Amino acid sequence: MTITIDVALGDRGYPVHVGHGARELLGEVIPDGVKRVAVITQAGIPWTVDPGIEHDAIEVPDGEEAKTLANVEAICRQMATAGFTRADAIVGVGGGVVTDLAGFVAAVYHRGICFVSVSTTLLGQVDAAIGGKTGVNLPEGKNLVGAFWQPSAVICDTETLSTLPTPEYQSGMGEVAKYHFLGGGDLDTLELDERVAACVQIKADVVAADEREGDRRAILNYGHTLAHAIETAGEYELRHGEAVAVGIAYAAEVARRLDRIDDSRVAEHRRVLSAYDLPFRLPASLDAGELIDLFNRDKKAIDGVTFVLDGDAGVETVVGVERDVLADAMEAIR
């Protein structure tokens, strides 16, 4: 059975199809009038798709290092050489790296063409593939160049998760853990399809209320301020979901020091992370001072260091957290 969640954005709205074998729906969700499809994927992904019309495959490198402006140019040049036009579409098949990169190419090629995401990782299915945030990295930080470009449809085929290496699957659980604190409750009690769909529903509701991260959507970055700093300083040695897990534990410690939550709520954060076998300790090789300095490069840091923190009113954005609070909280997750 396929579960369908609608991302309600008016004429830019689209369905997200979740379920075992959902990739077979691809031909049905390609928009009418599309002539050809560029399927952007990676060599190591053991899943193929059939968009039902003429299509060319474009492979991109593996890993977060693939998300570069150089690769955007390379893909666009391949598409231009092959004669792709504004009447064509892009289908991204893979995890968050592929959907971020392919979505950004779709946003800029011919100033925007149709895009469909077929997400094959847990992290992508519950987070990266939904919401229209696309982008690439710079040496100075993650996702610093990008665009909001909504897909025409998203397919989350849970069958593809069966081939994920255990570390990659666990990385996705870092994003699932985040949703426990965004209204998801006891997600760990649900079957896989229902769990993925529940996470998608939370994200879809937030995106519908705040498409371009003007306010409410920032809560989806819970745990990500430290996570992105860890990824930049550690050169992506720690997987994204693992870095998010450490970031979630850290956000709880920051909130505790600001008297937003109590010790029992901090313990609940660690319980959830432990339930998914996720880390909540900072890697010993990373320097706390360097990580705090990197907070200022975070996209939310407009009026000082900005964190998404838990509290009595739920998770919300807090501006201007002092450095001594950040440093003290950092010691608590060593």
C-alpha atoms as a PDB file:
ATOM      1  CA  MET A   1       0.000   0.000   0.000  1.00  0.00           C
ATOM      2  CA  THR A   2       1.234   3.473  -0.884  1.00  0.00           C
ATOM      3  CA  ILE A   3       0.641   6.378   1.478  1.00  0.00           C
ATOM      4  CA  THR A   4       0.306   9.774  -0.213  1.00  0.00           C
ATOM      5  CA  ILE A   5       0.980  13.054   1.584  1.00  0.00           C
ATOM      6  CA  ASP A   6       0.248  16.362  -0.110  1.00  0.00           C
ATOM      7  CA  VAL A   7       2.599  19.314   0.297  1.00  0.00           C
ATOM      8  CA  ALA A   8      -0.006  22.089   0.183  1.00  0.00           C
ATOM      9  CA  LEU A   9       1.628  24.976  -1.667  1.00  0.00           C
ATOM     10  CA  GLY A  10      -1.180  26.008  -3.994  1.00  0.00           C
ATOM     11  CA  ASP A  11      -0.167  25.746  -7.637  1.00  0.00           C
ATOM     12  CA  ARG A  12       3.312  24.642  -6.505  1.00  0.00           C
ATOM     13  CA  GLY A  13       1.940  21.833  -4.374  1.00  0.00           C
ATOM     14  CA  TYR A  14       2.836  18.204  -5.049  1.00  0.00           C
ATOM     15  CA  PRO A  15       2.320  14.666  -3.764  1.00  0.00           C
ATOM     16  CA  VAL A  16       4.814  12.588  -1.794  1.00  0.00           C
ATOM     17  CA  HIS A  17       4.230   8.859  -2.343  1.00  0.00           C
ATOM     18  CA  VAL A  18       5.552   6.572   0.411  1.00  0.00           C
ATOM     19  CA  GLY A  19       5.610   2.798   0.252  1.00  0.00           C
ATOM     20  CA  HIS A  20       7.250  -0.454  -0.789  1.00  0.00           C
ATOM     21  CA  GLY A  21       7.783  -0.366  -4.571  1.00  0.00           C
ATOM     22  CA  ALA A  22       6.555   3.225  -4.928  1.00  0.00           C
ATOM     23  CA  ARG A  23       9.173   3.921  -7.625  1.00  0.00           C
ATOM     24  CA  GLU A  24       6.859   2.133 -10.070  1.00  0.00           C
ATOM     25  CA  LEU A  25       4.678   5.269  -9.925  1.00  0.00           C
ATOM     26  CA  LEU A  26       7.334   7.406 -11.622  1.00  0.00           C
ATOM     27  CA  GLY A  27       5.778   7.271 -15.088  1.00  0.00           C
ATOM     28  CA  GLU A  28       2.473   8.503 -13.618  1.00  0.00           C
ATOM     29  CA  VAL A  29       3.962  11.562 -11.895  1.00  0.00           C
ATOM     30  CA  ILE A  30       6.070  12.909 -14.767  1.00  0.00           C
ATOM     31  CA  PRO A  31       4.226  16.122 -15.731  1.00  0.00           C
ATOM     32  CA  ASP A  32       2.233  16.157 -18.964  1.00  0.00           C
ATOM     33  CA  GLY A  33       4.124  17.643 -21.877  1.00  0.00           C
ATOM     34  CA  VAL A  34       7.599  16.606 -20.743  1.00  0.00           C
ATOM     35  CA  LYS A  35       9.529  15.361 -23.781  1.00  0.00           C
ATOM     36  CA  ARG A  36      12.707  13.851 -22.266  1.00  0.00           C
ATOM     37  CA  VAL A  37      14.107  13.136 -18.837  1.00  0.00           C
ATOM     38  CA  ALA A  38      17.635  13.438 -17.500  1.00  0.00           C
ATOM     39  CA  VAL A  39      18.000  10.830 -14.744  1.00  0.00           C
ATOM     40  CA  ILE A  40      20.676  12.051 -12.332  1.00  0.00           C
ATOM     41  CA  THR A  41      22.008   9.307 -10.083  1.00  0.00           C
ATOM     42  CA  GLN A  42      25.162   7.666  -8.728  1.00  0.00           C
ATOM     43  CA  ALA A  43      26.959   4.546  -9.936  1.00  0.00           C
ATOM     44  CA  GLY A  44      26.635   2.740  -6.613  1.00  0.00           C
ATOM     45  CA  ILE A  45      22.850   3.011  -6.358  1.00  0.00           C
ATOM     46  CA  PRO A  46      21.400  -0.459  -7.122  1.00  0.00           C
ATOM     47  CA  TRP A  47      17.991   0.827  -8.208  1.00  0.00           C
ATOM     48  CA  THR A  48      16.862   1.917 -11.662  1.00  0.00           C
ATOM     49  CA  VAL A  49      13.706   3.724 -12.682  1.00  0.00           C
ATOM     50  CA  ASP A  50      11.599   3.957 -15.814  1.00  0.00           C
ATOM     51  CA  PRO A  51      10.052   7.377 -16.415  1.00  0.00           C
ATOM     52  CA  GLY A  52       8.086   5.959 -19.336  1.00  0.00           C
ATOM     53  CA  ILE A  53       9.567   8.338 -21.909  1.00  0.00           C
ATOM     54  CA  GLU A  54      12.947   8.917 -23.551  1.00  0.00           C
ATOM     55  CA  HIS A  55      15.631   9.413 -20.925  1.00  0.00           C
ATOM     56  CA  ASP A  56      19.388   9.765 -20.490  1.00  0.00           C
ATOM     57  CA  ALA A  57      21.357   8.833 -17.365  1.00  0.00           C
ATOM     58  CA  ILE A  58      23.869  11.240 -15.831  1.00  0.00           C
ATOM     59  CA  GLU A  59      26.037   9.895 -13.029  1.00  0.00           C
ATOM     60  CA  VAL A  60      27.519  12.098 -10.306  1.00  0.00           C
ATOM     61  CA  PRO A  61      30.270  11.212  -7.801  1.00  0.00           C
ATOM     62  CA  ASP A  62      29.478   9.622  -4.452  1.00  0.00           C
ATOM     63  CA  GLY A  63      29.544  11.441  -1.133  1.00  0.00           C
ATOM     64  CA  GLU A  64      28.924  14.955   0.122  1.00  0.00           C
ATOM     65  CA  GLU A  65      31.944  16.085  -1.896  1.00  0.00           C
ATOM     66  CA  ALA A  66      29.787  15.751  -5.040  1.00  0.00           C
ATOM     67  CA  LYS A  67      27.759  18.813  -4.009  1.00  0.00           C
ATOM     68  CA  THR A  68      29.933  21.446  -5.700  1.00  0.00           C
ATOM     69  CA  LEU A  69      29.417  24.248  -8.191  1.00  0.00           C
ATOM     70  CA  ALA A  70      31.875  22.447 -10.466  1.00  0.00           C
ATOM     71  CA  ASN A  71      29.554  19.441 -10.630  1.00  0.00           C
ATOM     72  CA  VAL A  72      26.548  21.695 -11.252  1.00  0.00           C
ATOM     73  CA  GLU A  73      28.386  23.131 -14.249  1.00  0.00           C
ATOM     74  CA  ALA A  74      29.408  19.666 -15.452  1.00  0.00           C
ATOM     75  CA  ILE A  75      25.816  18.382 -15.336  1.00  0.00           C
ATOM     76  CA  CYS A  76      24.421  21.470 -17.040  1.00  0.00           C
ATOM     77  CA  ARG A  77      26.989  21.156 -19.814  1.00  0.00           C
ATOM     78  CA  GLN A  78      26.122  17.495 -20.337  1.00  0.00           C
ATOM     79  CA  MET A  79      22.450  18.408 -20.572  1.00  0.00           C
ATOM     80  CA  ALA A  80      23.152  21.283 -22.966  1.00  0.00           C
ATOM     81  CA  THR A  81      25.293  19.041 -25.194  1.00  0.00           C
ATOM     82  CA  ALA A  82      22.514  16.442 -25.220  1.00  0.00           C
ATOM     83  CA  GLY A  83      19.987  19.101 -26.225  1.00  0.00           C
ATOM     84  CA  PHE A  84      17.783  19.200 -23.120  1.00  0.00           C
ATOM     85  CA  THR A  85      15.327  22.126 -23.170  1.00  0.00           C
ATOM     86  CA  ARG A  86      12.853  23.817 -20.863  1.00  0.00           C
ATOM     87  CA  ALA A  87      10.237  21.291 -22.023  1.00  0.00           C
ATOM     88  CA  ASP A  88      12.230  18.464 -20.429  1.00  0.00           C
ATOM     89  CA  ALA A  89      12.620  17.320 -16.827  1.00  0.00           C
ATOM     90  CA  ILE A  90      15.138  16.021 -14.312  1.00  0.00           C
ATOM     91  CA  VAL A  91      14.608  12.952 -12.146  1.00  0.00           C
ATOM     92  CA  GLY A  92      16.981  12.598  -9.202  1.00  0.00           C
ATOM     93  CA  VAL A  93      17.444   9.007  -8.030  1.00  0.00           C
ATOM     94  CA  GLY A  94      19.416   8.605  -4.824  1.00  0.00           C
ATOM     95  CA  GLY A  95      19.904  10.061  -1.382  1.00  0.00           C
ATOM     96  CA  GLY A  96      20.098  13.612  -0.103  1.00  0.00           C
ATOM     97  CA  VAL A  97      23.277  14.393  -2.024  1.00  0.00           C
ATOM     98  CA  VAL A  98      21.629  13.507  -5.337  1.00  0.00           C
ATOM     99  CA  THR A  99      18.336  15.286  -4.638  1.00  0.00           C
ATOM    100  CA  ASP A 100      20.108  18.428  -3.368  1.00  0.00           C
ATOM    101  CA  LEU A 101      22.376  18.520  -6.412  1.00  0.00           C
ATOM    102  CA  ALA A 102      19.807  17.474  -9.030  1.00  0.00           C
ATOM    103  CA  GLY A 103      17.208  19.839  -7.580  1.00  0.00           C
ATOM    104  CA  PHE A 104      19.636  22.757  -7.788  1.00  0.00           C
ATOM    105  CA  VAL A 105      20.480  21.890 -11.395  1.00  0.00           C
ATOM    106  CA  ALA A 106      16.743  21.848 -12.121  1.00  0.00           C
ATOM    107  CA  ALA A 107      16.399  25.277 -10.521  1.00  0.00           C
ATOM    108  CA  VAL A 108      19.104  26.897 -12.641  1.00  0.00           C
ATOM    109  CA  TYR A 109      19.164  25.010 -15.970  1.00  0.00           C
ATOM    110  CA  HIS A 110      17.249  27.163 -18.497  1.00  0.00           C
ATOM    111  CA  ARG A 111      16.217  29.188 -15.413  1.00  0.00           C
ATOM    112  CA  GLY A 112      14.175  26.289 -14.107  1.00  0.00           C
ATOM    113  CA  ILE A 113      12.785  22.990 -15.376  1.00  0.00           C
ATOM    114  CA  CYS A 114      10.556  20.282 -13.879  1.00  0.00           C
ATOM    115  CA  PHE A 115      12.063  18.020 -11.247  1.00  0.00           C
ATOM    116  CA  VAL A 116      10.954  14.733  -9.663  1.00  0.00           C
ATOM    117  CA  SER A 117      12.776  13.150  -6.749  1.00  0.00           C
ATOM    118  CA  VAL A 118      13.015   9.400  -6.236  1.00  0.00           C
ATOM    119  CA  SER A 119      14.597   9.112  -2.812  1.00  0.00           C
ATOM    120  CA  THR A 120      16.441   5.884  -1.998  1.00  0.00           C
ATOM    121  CA  THR A 121      17.789   6.624   1.502  1.00  0.00           C
ATOM    122  CA  LEU A 122      16.045   7.024   4.829  1.00  0.00           C
ATOM    123  CA  LEU A 123      17.634  10.435   5.382  1.00  0.00           C
ATOM    124  CA  GLY A 124      16.400  11.608   2.000  1.00  0.00           C
ATOM    125  CA  GLN A 125      12.908  10.200   2.419  1.00  0.00           C
ATOM    126  CA  VAL A 126      12.184  11.840   5.755  1.00  0.00           C
ATOM    127  CA  ASP A 127      13.969  15.101   5.085  1.00  0.00           C
ATOM    128  CA  ALA A 128      16.173  16.070   2.139  1.00  0.00           C
ATOM    129  CA  ALA A 129      13.809  15.180  -0.711  1.00  0.00           C
ATOM    130  CA  ILE A 130      10.818  17.138   0.619  1.00  0.00           C
ATOM    131  CA  GLY A 131      10.397  20.888   0.755  1.00  0.00           C
ATOM    132  CA  GLY A 132      12.241  22.293  -2.238  1.00  0.00           C
ATOM    133  CA  LYS A 133      15.504  23.264  -0.546  1.00  0.00           C
ATOM    134  CA  THR A 134      18.307  22.520  -2.978  1.00  0.00           C
ATOM    135  CA  GLY A 135      21.959  23.454  -2.944  1.00  0.00           C
ATOM    136  CA  VAL A 136      25.648  22.729  -2.936  1.00  0.00           C
ATOM    137  CA  ASN A 137      28.524  23.269  -0.544  1.00  0.00           C
ATOM    138  CA  LEU A 138      31.454  25.648  -0.435  1.00  0.00           C
ATOM    139  CA  PRO A 139      34.753  24.998   1.349  1.00  0.00           C
ATOM    140  CA  GLU A 140      33.543  27.580   3.869  1.00  0.00           C
ATOM    141  CA  GLY A 141      30.376  25.706   4.773  1.00  0.00           C
ATOM    142  CA  LYS A 142      27.534  23.389   3.863  1.00  0.00           C
ATOM    143  CA  ASN A 143      24.635  24.349   1.565  1.00  0.00           C
ATOM    144  CA  LEU A 144      25.756  27.977   1.289  1.00  0.00           C
ATOM    145  CA  VAL A 145      24.736  28.171  -2.391  1.00  0.00           C
ATOM    146  CA  GLY A 146      21.282  27.010  -3.385  1.00  0.00           C
ATOM    147  CA  ALA A 147      17.708  27.794  -4.305  1.00  0.00           C
ATOM    148  CA  PHE A 148      14.163  26.981  -3.287  1.00  0.00           C
ATOM    149  CA  TRP A 149      12.801  24.856  -6.136  1.00  0.00           C
ATOM    150  CA  GLN A 150       9.816  22.652  -5.471  1.00  0.00           C
ATOM    151  CA  PRO A 151       9.634  19.263  -7.212  1.00  0.00           C
ATOM    152  CA  SER A 152       6.630  18.124  -9.204  1.00  0.00           C
ATOM    153  CA  ALA A 153       6.471  14.961  -7.085  1.00  0.00           C
ATOM    154  CA  VAL A 154       8.503  12.968  -4.594  1.00  0.00           C
ATOM    155  CA  ILE A 155       8.659   9.183  -4.412  1.00  0.00           C
ATOM    156  CA  CYS A 156       9.876   7.530  -1.213  1.00  0.00           C
ATOM    157  CA  ASP A 157      10.238   3.848  -2.040  1.00  0.00           C
ATOM    158  CA  THR A 158      10.850   2.081   1.263  1.00  0.00           C
ATOM    159  CA  GLU A 159      11.923  -1.068  -0.603  1.00  0.00           C
ATOM    160  CA  THR A 160      15.154   0.725  -1.527  1.00  0.00           C
ATOM    161  CA  LEU A 161      16.056   1.000   2.152  1.00  0.00           C
ATOM    162  CA  SER A 162      16.667  -2.757   2.257  1.00  0.00           C
ATOM    163  CA  THR A 163      19.977  -2.342   0.415  1.00  0.00           C
ATOM    164  CA  LEU A 164      21.318   0.535   2.517  1.00  0.00           C
ATOM    165  CA  PRO A 165      24.497  -0.198   4.468  1.00  0.00           C
ATOM    166  CA  THR A 166      23.794  -0.152   8.200  1.00  0.00           C
ATOM    167  CA  PRO A 167      25.753   3.094   8.817  1.00  0.00           C
ATOM    168  CA  GLU A 168      23.764   4.859   6.082  1.00  0.00           C
ATOM    169  CA  TYR A 169      20.467   3.621   7.514  1.00  0.00           C
ATOM    170  CA  GLN A 170      21.502   4.772  10.979  1.00  0.00           C
ATOM    171  CA  SER A 171      22.387   8.159   9.542  1.00  0.00           C
ATOM    172  CA  GLY A 172      18.787   8.507   8.417  1.00  0.00           C
ATOM    173  CA  MET A 173      17.646   7.749  11.923  1.00  0.00           C
ATOM    174  CA  GLY A 174      19.304  10.993  13.012  1.00  0.00           C
ATOM    175  CA  GLU A 175      16.684  12.906  11.046  1.00  0.00           C
ATOM    176  CA  VAL A 176      13.909  10.608  12.291  1.00  0.00           C
ATOM    177  CA  ALA A 177      14.988  11.338  15.880  1.00  0.00           C
ATOM    178  CA  LYS A 178      14.597  15.053  15.175  1.00  0.00           C
ATOM    179  CA  TYR A 179      10.901  14.606  14.416  1.00  0.00           C
ATOM    180  CA  HIS A 180      10.264  13.162  17.886  1.00  0.00           C
ATOM    181  CA  PHE A 181      10.713  16.724  19.162  1.00  0.00           C
ATOM    182  CA  LEU A 182       8.712  18.391  16.377  1.00  0.00           C
ATOM    183  CA  GLY A 183       5.433  16.721  17.275  1.00  0.00           C
ATOM    184  CA  GLY A 184       6.172  13.182  16.140  1.00  0.00           C
ATOM    185  CA  GLY A 185       5.756  11.572  19.534  1.00  0.00           C
ATOM    186  CA  ASP A 186       6.695   7.899  19.760  1.00  0.00           C
ATOM    187  CA  LEU A 187       7.733   7.357  16.155  1.00  0.00           C
ATOM    188  CA  ASP A 188       9.774   4.334  17.186  1.00  0.00           C
ATOM    189  CA  THR A 189       6.529   2.398  17.796  1.00  0.00           C
ATOM    190  CA  LEU A 190       5.412   2.649  14.144  1.00  0.00           C
ATOM    191  CA  GLU A 191       6.087   0.313  11.224  1.00  0.00           C
ATOM    192  CA  LEU A 192       8.604   1.611   8.694  1.00  0.00           C
ATOM    193  CA  ASP A 193       6.202   2.925   6.040  1.00  0.00           C
ATOM    194  CA  GLU A 194       4.035   4.631   8.674  1.00  0.00           C
ATOM    195  CA  ARG A 195       7.108   6.100  10.384  1.00  0.00           C
ATOM    196  CA  VAL A 196       8.453   7.569   7.143  1.00  0.00           C
ATOM    197  CA  ALA A 197       5.003   8.905   6.248  1.00  0.00           C
ATOM    198  CA  ALA A 198       4.599  10.492   9.687  1.00  0.00           C
ATOM    199  CA  CYS A 199       7.913  12.317   9.298  1.00  0.00           C
ATOM    200  CA  VAL A 200       6.947  13.448   5.798  1.00  0.00           C
ATOM    201  CA  GLN A 201       3.606  14.743   7.097  1.00  0.00           C
ATOM    202  CA  ILE A 202       5.320  16.856   9.764  1.00  0.00           C
ATOM    203  CA  LYS A 203       7.720  18.317   7.232  1.00  0.00           C
ATOM    204  CA  ALA A 204       4.957  18.902   4.674  1.00  0.00           C
ATOM    205  CA  ASP A 205       2.891  20.825   7.234  1.00  0.00           C
ATOM    206  CA  VAL A 206       5.849  23.016   8.204  1.00  0.00           C
ATOM    207  CA  VAL A 207       6.824  23.684   4.587  1.00  0.00           C
ATOM    208  CA  ALA A 208       3.239  24.577   3.681  1.00  0.00           C
ATOM    209  CA  ALA A 209       3.185  27.128   6.518  1.00  0.00           C
ATOM    210  CA  ASP A 210       6.609  28.617   5.683  1.00  0.00           C
ATOM    211  CA  GLU A 211       7.915  27.669   2.256  1.00  0.00           C
ATOM    212  CA  ARG A 212      11.056  29.834   2.239  1.00  0.00           C
ATOM    213  CA  GLU A 213      12.171  29.533   5.857  1.00  0.00           C
ATOM    214  CA  GLY A 214      11.037  32.989   6.881  1.00  0.00           C
ATOM    215  CA  ASP A 215      10.203  31.823  10.387  1.00  0.00           C
ATOM    216  CA  ARG A 216       8.514  28.522  11.285  1.00  0.00           C
ATOM    217  CA  ARG A 217      10.448  26.330   8.838  1.00  0.00           C
ATOM    218  CA  ALA A 218      13.674  26.945  10.745  1.00  0.00           C
ATOM    219  CA  ILE A 219      12.514  24.377  13.330  1.00  0.00           C
ATOM    220  CA  LEU A 220      13.346  21.682  10.759  1.00  0.00           C
ATOM    221  CA  ASN A 221      16.983  22.577  11.420  1.00  0.00           C
ATOM    222  CA  TYR A 222      16.760  21.227  14.968  1.00  0.00           C
ATOM    223  CA  GLY A 223      20.228  19.865  15.769  1.00  0.00           C
ATOM    224  CA  HIS A 224      21.668  21.158  12.509  1.00  0.00           C
ATOM    225  CA  THR A 225      23.651  24.193  13.700  1.00  0.00           C
ATOM    226  CA  LEU A 226      26.260  22.056  15.422  1.00  0.00           C
ATOM    227  CA  ALA A 227      25.801  19.284  12.841  1.00  0.00           C
ATOM    228  CA  HIS A 228      26.841  21.529   9.946  1.00  0.00           C
ATOM    229  CA  ALA A 229      29.810  22.833  11.937  1.00  0.00           C
ATOM    230  CA  ILE A 230      30.877  19.250  12.702  1.00  0.00           C
ATOM    231  CA  GLU A 231      30.619  18.343   9.024  1.00  0.00           C
ATOM    232  CA  THR A 232      32.661  21.361   7.935  1.00  0.00           C
ATOM    233  CA  ALA A 233      35.356  21.051  10.616  1.00  0.00           C
ATOM    234  CA  GLY A 234      35.516  17.265  10.342  1.00  0.00           C
ATOM    235  CA  GLU A 235      35.494  17.283   6.531  1.00  0.00           C
ATOM    236  CA  TYR A 236      32.335  15.118   6.492  1.00  0.00           C
ATOM    237  CA  GLU A 237      33.987  12.218   8.309  1.00  0.00           C
ATOM    238  CA  LEU A 238      30.850  11.889  10.433  1.00  0.00           C
ATOM    239  CA  ARG A 239      27.696  11.061   8.472  1.00  0.00           C
ATOM    240  CA  HIS A 240      25.035  13.766   8.341  1.00  0.00           C
ATOM    241  CA  GLY A 241      22.469  11.995  10.511  1.00  0.00           C
ATOM    242  CA  GLU A 242      25.104  11.138  13.103  1.00  0.00           C
ATOM    243  CA  ALA A 243      26.181  14.790  13.200  1.00  0.00           C
ATOM    244  CA  VAL A 244      22.514  15.812  13.579  1.00  0.00           C
ATOM    245  CA  ALA A 245      22.151  13.385  16.491  1.00  0.00           C
ATOM    246  CA  VAL A 246      25.094  15.003  18.300  1.00  0.00           C
ATOM    247  CA  GLY A 247      23.578  18.379  17.429  1.00  0.00           C
ATOM    248  CA  ILE A 248      20.242  17.386  18.956  1.00  0.00           C
ATOM    249  CA  ALA A 249      21.944  16.390  22.212  1.00  0.00           C
ATOM    250  CA  TYR A 250      23.865  19.674  22.156  1.00  0.00           C
ATOM    251  CA  ALA A 251      20.734  21.748  21.524  1.00  0.00           C
ATOM    252  CA  ALA A 252      19.159  20.148  24.588  1.00  0.00           C
ATOM    253  CA  GLU A 253      22.176  21.123  26.701  1.00  0.00           C
ATOM    254  CA  VAL A 254      22.028  24.703  25.419  1.00  0.00           C
ATOM    255  CA  ALA A 255      18.293  24.879  26.171  1.00  0.00           C
ATOM    256  CA  ARG A 256      18.898  23.536  29.684  1.00  0.00           C
ATOM    257  CA  ARG A 257      21.457  26.270  30.376  1.00  0.00           C
ATOM    258  CA  LEU A 258      18.930  28.869  29.257  1.00  0.00           C
ATOM    259  CA  ASP A 259      16.328  27.326  31.612  1.00  0.00           C
ATOM    260  CA  ARG A 260      14.081  26.486  28.693  1.00  0.00           C
ATOM    261  CA  ILE A 261      13.904  22.791  29.632  1.00  0.00           C
ATOM    262  CA  ASP A 262      14.727  20.706  32.702  1.00  0.00           C
ATOM    263  CA  ASP A 263      17.032  17.745  33.287  1.00  0.00           C
ATOM    264  CA  SER A 264      14.309  15.210  32.529  1.00  0.00           C
ATOM    265  CA  ARG A 265      13.802  16.691  29.074  1.00  0.00           C
ATOM    266  CA  VAL A 266      17.545  16.526  28.421  1.00  0.00           C
ATOM    267  CA  ALA A 267      17.399  12.877  29.446  1.00  0.00           C
ATOM    268  CA  GLU A 268      14.509  12.310  27.036  1.00  0.00           C
ATOM    269  CA  HIS A 269      16.666  13.616  24.189  1.00  0.00           C
ATOM    270  CA  ARG A 270      19.378  11.115  25.048  1.00  0.00           C
ATOM    271  CA  ARG A 271      16.819   8.310  25.423  1.00  0.00           C
ATOM    272  CA  VAL A 272      15.489   8.880  21.910  1.00  0.00           C
ATOM    273  CA  LEU A 273      18.987   9.021  20.431  1.00  0.00           C
ATOM    274  CA  SER A 274      19.965   5.857  22.261  1.00  0.00           C
ATOM    275  CA  ALA A 275      16.803   4.102  21.030  1.00  0.00           C
ATOM    276  CA  TYR A 276      18.100   4.570  17.477  1.00  0.00           C
ATOM    277  CA  ASP A 277      21.694   3.664  18.397  1.00  0.00           C
ATOM    278  CA  LEU A 278      22.797   7.214  17.593  1.00  0.00           C
ATOM    279  CA  PRO A 279      25.772   9.076  19.075  1.00  0.00           C
ATOM    280  CA  PHE A 280      25.344  12.045  21.383  1.00  0.00           C
ATOM    281  CA  ARG A 281      29.001  12.721  22.187  1.00  0.00           C
ATOM    282  CA  LEU A 282      31.215  15.180  20.307  1.00  0.00           C
ATOM    283  CA  PRO A 283      34.096  13.495  18.423  1.00  0.00           C
ATOM    284  CA  ALA A 284      37.276  14.004  20.454  1.00  0.00           C
ATOM    285  CA  SER A 285      39.199  15.224  17.417  1.00  0.00           C
ATOM    286  CA  LEU A 286      37.076  18.363  17.028  1.00  0.00           C
ATOM    287  CA  ASP A 287      37.929  21.676  18.678  1.00  0.00           C
ATOM    288  CA  ALA A 288      35.033  23.329  20.516  1.00  0.00           C
ATOM    289  CA  GLY A 289      36.255  26.853  19.791  1.00  0.00           C
ATOM    290  CA  GLU A 290      36.456  26.200  16.065  1.00  0.00           C
ATOM    291  CA  LEU A 291      32.952  24.733  16.051  1.00  0.00           C
ATOM    292  CA  ILE A 292      31.522  27.765  17.856  1.00  0.00           C
ATOM    293  CA  ASP A 293      33.266  30.077  15.385  1.00  0.00           C
ATOM    294  CA  LEU A 294      31.602  28.165  12.556  1.00  0.00           C
ATOM    295  CA  PHE A 295      28.154  28.875  14.047  1.00  0.00           C
ATOM    296  CA  ASN A 296      28.462  32.415  12.678  1.00  0.00           C
ATOM    297  CA  ARG A 297      28.498  31.038   9.118  1.00  0.00           C
ATOM    298  CA  ASP A 298      25.201  29.244   9.628  1.00  0.00           C
ATOM    299  CA  LYS A 299      22.465  30.554   7.319  1.00  0.00           C
ATOM    300  CA  LYS A 300      20.244  31.357  10.325  1.00  0.00           C
ATOM    301  CA  ALA A 301      22.929  33.573  11.913  1.00  0.00           C
ATOM    302  CA  ILE A 302      21.659  36.972  10.779  1.00  0.00           C
ATOM    303  CA  ASP A 303      21.521  38.832  14.115  1.00  0.00           C
ATOM    304  CA  GLY A 304      24.036  36.795  16.081  1.00  0.00           C
ATOM    305  CA  VAL A 305      24.389  33.102  16.780  1.00  0.00           C
ATOM    306  CA  THR A 306      20.963  31.557  16.278  1.00  0.00           C
ATOM    307  CA  PHE A 307      19.815  28.188  17.552  1.00  0.00           C
ATOM    308  CA  VAL A 308      16.683  26.105  17.237  1.00  0.00           C
ATOM    309  CA  LEU A 309      15.912  25.094  20.816  1.00  0.00           C
ATOM    310  CA  ASP A 310      13.327  23.106  22.727  1.00  0.00           C
ATOM    311  CA  GLY A 311      11.159  24.784  25.355  1.00  0.00           C
ATOM    312  CA  ASP A 312       7.751  24.869  27.036  1.00  0.00           C
ATOM    313  CA  ALA A 313       6.189  26.206  23.828  1.00  0.00           C
ATOM    314  CA  GLY A 314       7.939  23.558  21.738  1.00  0.00           C
ATOM    315  CA  VAL A 315      10.894  23.874  19.425  1.00  0.00           C
ATOM    316  CA  GLU A 316      11.545  27.433  18.231  1.00  0.00           C
ATOM    317  CA  THR A 317      14.291  29.775  17.028  1.00  0.00           C
ATOM    318  CA  VAL A 318      16.349  31.626  19.643  1.00  0.00           C
ATOM    319  CA  VAL A 319      18.590  34.507  18.586  1.00  0.00           C
ATOM    320  CA  GLY A 320      21.777  35.751  20.232  1.00  0.00           C
ATOM    321  CA  VAL A 321      22.909  32.806  22.359  1.00  0.00           C
ATOM    322  CA  GLU A 322      26.019  33.866  24.284  1.00  0.00           C
ATOM    323  CA  ARG A 323      29.358  32.203  23.643  1.00  0.00           C
ATOM    324  CA  ASP A 324      29.913  31.160  27.272  1.00  0.00           C
ATOM    325  CA  VAL A 325      26.605  29.231  27.194  1.00  0.00           C
ATOM    326  CA  LEU A 326      27.633  27.548  23.954  1.00  0.00           C
ATOM    327  CA  ALA A 327      31.046  26.618  25.336  1.00  0.00           C
ATOM    328  CA  ASP A 328      29.634  25.221  28.586  1.00  0.00           C
ATOM    329  CA  ALA A 329      27.064  23.119  26.709  1.00  0.00           C
ATOM    330  CA  MET A 330      29.840  21.818  24.457  1.00  0.00           C
ATOM    331  CA  GLU A 331      31.673  20.398  27.453  1.00  0.00           C
ATOM    332  CA  ALA A 332      28.547  18.498  28.479  1.00  0.00           C
ATOM    333  CA  ILE A 333      28.615  16.403  25.293  1.00  0.00           C
ATOM    334  CA  ARG A 334      32.338  15.589  25.407  1.00  0.00           C
END
